[in-house]
Amino acid sequence: SKDNAKNILYLQMNSLKPEDTAMYYCA
């Protein structure tokens, strides 16, 4: 999701699993 007024991008992550382990990048 994003907030256009604040210019902030979000990634809500739920039910995390060990295989989600990584470096996360926005682009």
PDB file of all heavy atoms in Angstrom:
ATOM      1  N   SER A   1       0.845  -1.181   0.000  1.00  0.00           N
ATOM      2  CA  SER A   1       0.000   0.000   0.000  1.00  0.00           C
ATOM      3  C   SER A   1       0.884   1.234   0.000  1.00  0.00           C
ATOM      4  O   SER A   1       2.100   1.135   0.160  1.00  0.00           O
ATOM      5  CB  SER A   1      -0.953   0.010   1.204  1.00  0.00           C
ATOM      6  OG  SER A   1      -0.229   0.078   2.424  1.00  0.00           O
ATOM      7  N   LYS A   2       0.285   2.391  -0.183  1.00  0.00           N
ATOM      8  CA  LYS A   2       1.052   3.620  -0.183  1.00  0.00           C
ATOM      9  C   LYS A   2       0.224   4.779   0.306  1.00  0.00           C
ATOM     10  O   LYS A   2      -1.003   4.772   0.237  1.00  0.00           O
ATOM     11  CB  LYS A   2       1.600   3.917  -1.585  1.00  0.00           C
ATOM     12  CG  LYS A   2       0.522   4.102  -2.645  1.00  0.00           C
ATOM     13  CD  LYS A   2       1.127   4.447  -4.005  1.00  0.00           C
ATOM     14  CE  LYS A   2       0.040   4.625  -5.050  1.00  0.00           C
ATOM     15  NZ  LYS A   2       0.595   5.098  -6.341  1.00  0.00           N
ATOM     16  N   ASP A   3       0.916   5.779   0.808  1.00  0.00           N
ATOM     17  CA  ASP A   3       0.312   7.032   1.219  1.00  0.00           C
ATOM     18  C   ASP A   3       0.845   8.085   0.257  1.00  0.00           C
ATOM     19  O   ASP A   3       1.997   8.506   0.369  1.00  0.00           O
ATOM     20  CB  ASP A   3       0.681   7.352   2.665  1.00  0.00           C
ATOM     21  CG  ASP A   3      -0.028   8.589   3.185  1.00  0.00           C
ATOM     22  OD1 ASP A   3      -0.266   9.528   2.416  1.00  0.00           O
ATOM     23  OD2 ASP A   3      -0.340   8.615   4.400  1.00  0.00           O
ATOM     24  N   ASN A   4       0.026   8.499  -0.685  1.00  0.00           N
ATOM     25  CA  ASN A   4       0.477   9.435  -1.707  1.00  0.00           C
ATOM     26  C   ASN A   4       0.839  10.804  -1.127  1.00  0.00           C
ATOM     27  O   ASN A   4       1.761  11.458  -1.601  1.00  0.00           O
ATOM     28  CB  ASN A   4      -0.600   9.604  -2.776  1.00  0.00           C
ATOM     29  CG  ASN A   4      -0.750   8.377  -3.654  1.00  0.00           C
ATOM     30  OD1 ASN A   4       0.199   7.626  -3.865  1.00  0.00           O
ATOM     31  ND2 ASN A   4      -1.948   8.168  -4.178  1.00  0.00           N
ATOM     32  N   ALA A   5       0.115  11.237  -0.119  1.00  0.00           N
ATOM     33  CA  ALA A   5       0.370  12.539   0.471  1.00  0.00           C
ATOM     34  C   ALA A   5       1.715  12.585   1.178  1.00  0.00           C
ATOM     35  O   ALA A   5       2.422  13.592   1.133  1.00  0.00           O
ATOM     36  CB  ALA A   5      -0.751  12.918   1.431  1.00  0.00           C
ATOM     37  N   LYS A   6       2.067  11.488   1.843  1.00  0.00           N
ATOM     38  CA  LYS A   6       3.319  11.427   2.592  1.00  0.00           C
ATOM     39  C   LYS A   6       4.463  10.812   1.800  1.00  0.00           C
ATOM     40  O   LYS A   6       5.600  10.822   2.266  1.00  0.00           O
ATOM     41  CB  LYS A   6       3.122  10.627   3.877  1.00  0.00           C
ATOM     42  CG  LYS A   6       2.144  11.249   4.852  1.00  0.00           C
ATOM     43  CD  LYS A   6       2.036  10.403   6.109  1.00  0.00           C
ATOM     44  CE  LYS A   6       1.088  11.022   7.111  1.00  0.00           C
ATOM     45  NZ  LYS A   6       0.978  10.197   8.339  1.00  0.00           N
ATOM     46  N   ASN A   7       4.166  10.272   0.629  1.00  0.00           N
ATOM     47  CA  ASN A   7       5.175   9.600  -0.196  1.00  0.00           C
ATOM     48  C   ASN A   7       5.839   8.449   0.562  1.00  0.00           C
ATOM     49  O   ASN A   7       7.064   8.303   0.565  1.00  0.00           O
ATOM     50  CB  ASN A   7       6.231  10.591  -0.686  1.00  0.00           C
ATOM     51  CG  ASN A   7       6.239  10.736  -2.197  1.00  0.00           C
ATOM     52  OD1 ASN A   7       5.195  10.671  -2.843  1.00  0.00           O
ATOM     53  ND2 ASN A   7       7.421  10.941  -2.764  1.00  0.00           N
ATOM     54  N   ILE A   8       5.013   7.622   1.191  1.00  0.00           N
ATOM     55  CA  ILE A   8       5.506   6.470   1.922  1.00  0.00           C
ATOM     56  C   ILE A   8       4.870   5.211   1.363  1.00  0.00           C
ATOM     57  O   ILE A   8       3.646   5.133   1.213  1.00  0.00           O
ATOM     58  CB  ILE A   8       5.210   6.571   3.428  1.00  0.00           C
ATOM     59  CG1 ILE A   8       5.842   7.828   4.018  1.00  0.00           C
ATOM     60  CG2 ILE A   8       5.730   5.338   4.149  1.00  0.00           C
ATOM     61  CD1 ILE A   8       5.545   8.029   5.490  1.00  0.00           C
ATOM     62  N   LEU A   9       5.689   4.240   1.067  1.00  0.00           N
ATOM     63  CA  LEU A   9       5.263   2.929   0.604  1.00  0.00           C
ATOM     64  C   LEU A   9       5.322   1.958   1.778  1.00  0.00           C
ATOM     65  O   LEU A   9       6.255   2.014   2.582  1.00  0.00           O
ATOM     66  CB  LEU A   9       6.181   2.451  -0.518  1.00  0.00           C
ATOM     67  CG  LEU A   9       5.911   1.064  -1.102  1.00  0.00           C
ATOM     68  CD1 LEU A   9       4.661   1.092  -1.970  1.00  0.00           C
ATOM     69  CD2 LEU A   9       7.124   0.591  -1.901  1.00  0.00           C
ATOM     70  N   TYR A  10       4.342   1.067   1.856  1.00  0.00           N
ATOM     71  CA  TYR A  10       4.281   0.108   2.950  1.00  0.00           C
ATOM     72  C   TYR A  10       4.207  -1.323   2.433  1.00  0.00           C
ATOM     73  O   TYR A  10       3.714  -1.585   1.338  1.00  0.00           O
ATOM     74  CB  TYR A  10       3.050   0.353   3.826  1.00  0.00           C
ATOM     75  CG  TYR A  10       2.992   1.709   4.464  1.00  0.00           C
ATOM     76  CD1 TYR A  10       2.202   2.721   3.933  1.00  0.00           C
ATOM     77  CD2 TYR A  10       3.729   1.985   5.614  1.00  0.00           C
ATOM     78  CE1 TYR A  10       2.140   3.966   4.520  1.00  0.00           C
ATOM     79  CE2 TYR A  10       3.678   3.231   6.214  1.00  0.00           C
ATOM     80  CZ  TYR A  10       2.882   4.217   5.670  1.00  0.00           C
ATOM     81  OH  TYR A  10       2.826   5.454   6.260  1.00  0.00           O
ATOM     82  N   LEU A  11       4.687  -2.235   3.248  1.00  0.00           N
ATOM     83  CA  LEU A  11       4.465  -3.653   3.030  1.00  0.00           C
ATOM     84  C   LEU A  11       4.071  -4.265   4.365  1.00  0.00           C
ATOM     85  O   LEU A  11       4.911  -4.412   5.257  1.00  0.00           O
ATOM     86  CB  LEU A  11       5.706  -4.352   2.470  1.00  0.00           C
ATOM     87  CG  LEU A  11       5.525  -5.837   2.141  1.00  0.00           C
ATOM     88  CD1 LEU A  11       4.559  -6.000   0.965  1.00  0.00           C
ATOM     89  CD2 LEU A  11       6.857  -6.506   1.833  1.00  0.00           C
ATOM     90  N   GLN A  12       2.800  -4.591   4.495  1.00  0.00           N
ATOM     91  CA  GLN A  12       2.319  -5.262   5.690  1.00  0.00           C
ATOM     92  C   GLN A  12       2.538  -6.754   5.515  1.00  0.00           C
ATOM     93  O   GLN A  12       2.039  -7.346   4.557  1.00  0.00           O
ATOM     94  CB  GLN A  12       0.837  -4.966   5.922  1.00  0.00           C
ATOM     95  CG  GLN A  12       0.239  -5.661   7.137  1.00  0.00           C
ATOM     96  CD  GLN A  12       0.834  -5.173   8.433  1.00  0.00           C
ATOM     97  OE1 GLN A  12       0.939  -3.963   8.651  1.00  0.00           O
ATOM     98  NE2 GLN A  12       1.243  -6.088   9.294  1.00  0.00           N
ATOM     99  N   MET A  13       3.263  -7.366   6.424  1.00  0.00           N
ATOM    100  CA  MET A  13       3.600  -8.779   6.349  1.00  0.00           C
ATOM    101  C   MET A  13       3.008  -9.499   7.551  1.00  0.00           C
ATOM    102  O   MET A  13       3.378  -9.221   8.691  1.00  0.00           O
ATOM    103  CB  MET A  13       5.115  -8.975   6.301  1.00  0.00           C
ATOM    104  CG  MET A  13       5.796  -8.220   5.171  1.00  0.00           C
ATOM    105  SD  MET A  13       7.564  -8.606   5.041  1.00  0.00           S
ATOM    106  CE  MET A  13       8.147  -7.947   6.600  1.00  0.00           C
ATOM    107  N   ASN A  14       2.101 -10.415   7.289  1.00  0.00           N
ATOM    108  CA  ASN A  14       1.464 -11.212   8.322  1.00  0.00           C
ATOM    109  C   ASN A  14       1.772 -12.688   8.105  1.00  0.00           C
ATOM    110  O   ASN A  14       2.185 -13.096   7.027  1.00  0.00           O
ATOM    111  CB  ASN A  14      -0.049 -10.998   8.319  1.00  0.00           C
ATOM    112  CG  ASN A  14      -0.454  -9.577   8.594  1.00  0.00           C
ATOM    113  OD1 ASN A  14       0.178  -8.880   9.388  1.00  0.00           O
ATOM    114  ND2 ASN A  14      -1.527  -9.122   7.953  1.00  0.00           N
ATOM    115  N   SER A  15       1.545 -13.478   9.138  1.00  0.00           N
ATOM    116  CA  SER A  15       1.761 -14.925   9.064  1.00  0.00           C
ATOM    117  C   SER A  15       3.131 -15.261   8.496  1.00  0.00           C
ATOM    118  O   SER A  15       3.277 -16.104   7.610  1.00  0.00           O
ATOM    119  CB  SER A  15       0.655 -15.580   8.226  1.00  0.00           C
ATOM    120  OG  SER A  15      -0.621 -15.318   8.767  1.00  0.00           O
ATOM    121  N   LEU A  16       4.137 -14.609   9.016  1.00  0.00           N
ATOM    122  CA  LEU A  16       5.492 -14.769   8.497  1.00  0.00           C
ATOM    123  C   LEU A  16       6.007 -16.194   8.688  1.00  0.00           C
ATOM    124  O   LEU A  16       5.715 -16.844   9.694  1.00  0.00           O
ATOM    125  CB  LEU A  16       6.433 -13.775   9.161  1.00  0.00           C
ATOM    126  CG  LEU A  16       6.302 -12.342   8.631  1.00  0.00           C
ATOM    127  CD1 LEU A  16       6.898 -11.351   9.609  1.00  0.00           C
ATOM    128  CD2 LEU A  16       6.992 -12.233   7.270  1.00  0.00           C
ATOM    129  N   LYS A  17       6.767 -16.640   7.703  1.00  0.00           N
ATOM    130  CA  LYS A  17       7.352 -17.972   7.691  1.00  0.00           C
ATOM    131  C   LYS A  17       8.871 -17.859   7.632  1.00  0.00           C
ATOM    132  O   LYS A  17       9.402 -16.858   7.150  1.00  0.00           O
ATOM    133  CB  LYS A  17       6.856 -18.763   6.470  1.00  0.00           C
ATOM    134  CG  LYS A  17       5.350 -18.866   6.341  1.00  0.00           C
ATOM    135  CD  LYS A  17       4.979 -19.539   5.027  1.00  0.00           C
ATOM    136  CE  LYS A  17       3.483 -19.643   4.866  1.00  0.00           C
ATOM    137  NZ  LYS A  17       3.114 -20.280   3.571  1.00  0.00           N
ATOM    138  N   PRO A  18       9.591 -18.886   8.089  1.00  0.00           N
ATOM    139  CA  PRO A  18      11.054 -18.839   8.007  1.00  0.00           C
ATOM    140  C   PRO A  18      11.562 -18.582   6.589  1.00  0.00           C
ATOM    141  O   PRO A  18      12.585 -17.906   6.421  1.00  0.00           O
ATOM    142  CB  PRO A  18      11.474 -20.222   8.504  1.00  0.00           C
ATOM    143  CG  PRO A  18      10.403 -20.597   9.464  1.00  0.00           C
ATOM    144  CD  PRO A  18       9.134 -20.070   8.847  1.00  0.00           C
ATOM    145  N   GLU A  19      10.876 -19.082   5.581  1.00  0.00           N
ATOM    146  CA  GLU A  19      11.295 -18.869   4.203  1.00  0.00           C
ATOM    147  C   GLU A  19      11.122 -17.434   3.728  1.00  0.00           C
ATOM    148  O   GLU A  19      11.549 -17.087   2.627  1.00  0.00           O
ATOM    149  CB  GLU A  19      10.569 -19.830   3.244  1.00  0.00           C
ATOM    150  CG  GLU A  19       9.061 -19.847   3.421  1.00  0.00           C
ATOM    151  CD  GLU A  19       8.590 -20.999   4.295  1.00  0.00           C
ATOM    152  OE1 GLU A  19       9.193 -21.224   5.367  1.00  0.00           O
ATOM    153  OE2 GLU A  19       7.616 -21.673   3.908  1.00  0.00           O
ATOM    154  N   ASP A  20      10.492 -16.589   4.533  1.00  0.00           N
ATOM    155  CA  ASP A  20      10.396 -15.167   4.220  1.00  0.00           C
ATOM    156  C   ASP A  20      11.666 -14.417   4.606  1.00  0.00           C
ATOM    157  O   ASP A  20      11.796 -13.229   4.286  1.00  0.00           O
ATOM    158  CB  ASP A  20       9.207 -14.530   4.939  1.00  0.00           C
ATOM    159  CG  ASP A  20       7.870 -15.062   4.446  1.00  0.00           C
ATOM    160  OD1 ASP A  20       7.716 -15.268   3.228  1.00  0.00           O
ATOM    161  OD2 ASP A  20       6.977 -15.259   5.294  1.00  0.00           O
ATOM    162  N   THR A  21      12.584 -15.073   5.282  1.00  0.00           N
ATOM    163  CA  THR A  21      13.826 -14.440   5.702  1.00  0.00           C
ATOM    164  C   THR A  21      14.620 -13.967   4.494  1.00  0.00           C
ATOM    165  O   THR A  21      14.935 -14.749   3.597  1.00  0.00           O
ATOM    166  CB  THR A  21      14.667 -15.410   6.535  1.00  0.00           C
ATOM    167  OG1 THR A  21      13.964 -15.731   7.747  1.00  0.00           O
ATOM    168  CG2 THR A  21      16.015 -14.804   6.887  1.00  0.00           C
ATOM    169  N   ALA A  22      14.937 -12.682   4.453  1.00  0.00           N
ATOM    170  CA  ALA A  22      15.650 -12.097   3.318  1.00  0.00           C
ATOM    171  C   ALA A  22      15.899 -10.627   3.585  1.00  0.00           C
ATOM    172  O   ALA A  22      15.380 -10.051   4.551  1.00  0.00           O
ATOM    173  CB  ALA A  22      14.839 -12.255   2.032  1.00  0.00           C
ATOM    174  N   MET A  23      16.716 -10.023   2.719  1.00  0.00           N
ATOM    175  CA  MET A  23      16.803  -8.577   2.660  1.00  0.00           C
ATOM    176  C   MET A  23      15.651  -8.082   1.796  1.00  0.00           C
ATOM    177  O   MET A  23      15.434  -8.597   0.696  1.00  0.00           O
ATOM    178  CB  MET A  23      18.131  -8.134   2.065  1.00  0.00           C
ATOM    179  CG  MET A  23      19.306  -8.236   3.013  1.00  0.00           C
ATOM    180  SD  MET A  23      19.267  -6.981   4.314  1.00  0.00           S
ATOM    181  CE  MET A  23      19.503  -5.489   3.359  1.00  0.00           C
ATOM    182  N   TYR A  24      14.943  -7.099   2.282  1.00  0.00           N
ATOM    183  CA  TYR A  24      13.798  -6.547   1.562  1.00  0.00           C
ATOM    184  C   TYR A  24      14.130  -5.158   1.049  1.00  0.00           C
ATOM    185  O   TYR A  24      14.640  -4.311   1.796  1.00  0.00           O
ATOM    186  CB  TYR A  24      12.568  -6.502   2.466  1.00  0.00           C
ATOM    187  CG  TYR A  24      11.914  -7.853   2.638  1.00  0.00           C
ATOM    188  CD1 TYR A  24      12.521  -8.849   3.394  1.00  0.00           C
ATOM    189  CD2 TYR A  24      10.695  -8.143   2.021  1.00  0.00           C
ATOM    190  CE1 TYR A  24      11.935 -10.094   3.533  1.00  0.00           C
ATOM    191  CE2 TYR A  24      10.104  -9.383   2.164  1.00  0.00           C
ATOM    192  CZ  TYR A  24      10.722 -10.354   2.925  1.00  0.00           C
ATOM    193  OH  TYR A  24      10.133 -11.589   3.061  1.00  0.00           O
ATOM    194  N   TYR A  25      13.826  -4.923  -0.222  1.00  0.00           N
ATOM    195  CA  TYR A  25      14.142  -3.667  -0.887  1.00  0.00           C
ATOM    196  C   TYR A  25      12.889  -3.029  -1.460  1.00  0.00           C
ATOM    197  O   TYR A  25      12.035  -3.718  -2.013  1.00  0.00           O
ATOM    198  CB  TYR A  25      15.114  -3.894  -2.047  1.00  0.00           C
ATOM    199  CG  TYR A  25      16.425  -4.541  -1.668  1.00  0.00           C
ATOM    200  CD1 TYR A  25      16.551  -5.922  -1.628  1.00  0.00           C
ATOM    201  CD2 TYR A  25      17.532  -3.762  -1.377  1.00  0.00           C
ATOM    202  CE1 TYR A  25      17.751  -6.521  -1.295  1.00  0.00           C
ATOM    203  CE2 TYR A  25      18.736  -4.352  -1.041  1.00  0.00           C
ATOM    204  CZ  TYR A  25      18.843  -5.731  -1.002  1.00  0.00           C
ATOM    205  OH  TYR A  25      20.037  -6.320  -0.677  1.00  0.00           O
ATOM    206  N   CYS A  26      12.792  -1.725  -1.346  1.00  0.00           N
ATOM    207  CA  CYS A  26      11.769  -1.009  -2.083  1.00  0.00           C
ATOM    208  C   CYS A  26      12.403  -0.417  -3.330  1.00  0.00           C
ATOM    209  O   CYS A  26      13.613  -0.179  -3.391  1.00  0.00           O
ATOM    210  CB  CYS A  26      11.097   0.084  -1.236  1.00  0.00           C
ATOM    211  SG  CYS A  26      12.144   1.483  -0.794  1.00  0.00           S
ATOM    212  N   ALA A  27      11.588  -0.203  -4.340  1.00  0.00           N
ATOM    213  CA  ALA A  27      12.082   0.284  -5.614  1.00  0.00           C
ATOM    214  C   ALA A  27      11.032   1.150  -6.286  1.00  0.00           C
ATOM    215  O   ALA A  27       9.831   0.999  -6.036  1.00  0.00           O
ATOM    216  CB  ALA A  27      12.461  -0.886  -6.528  1.00  0.00           C
TER     217      ALA A  27
END
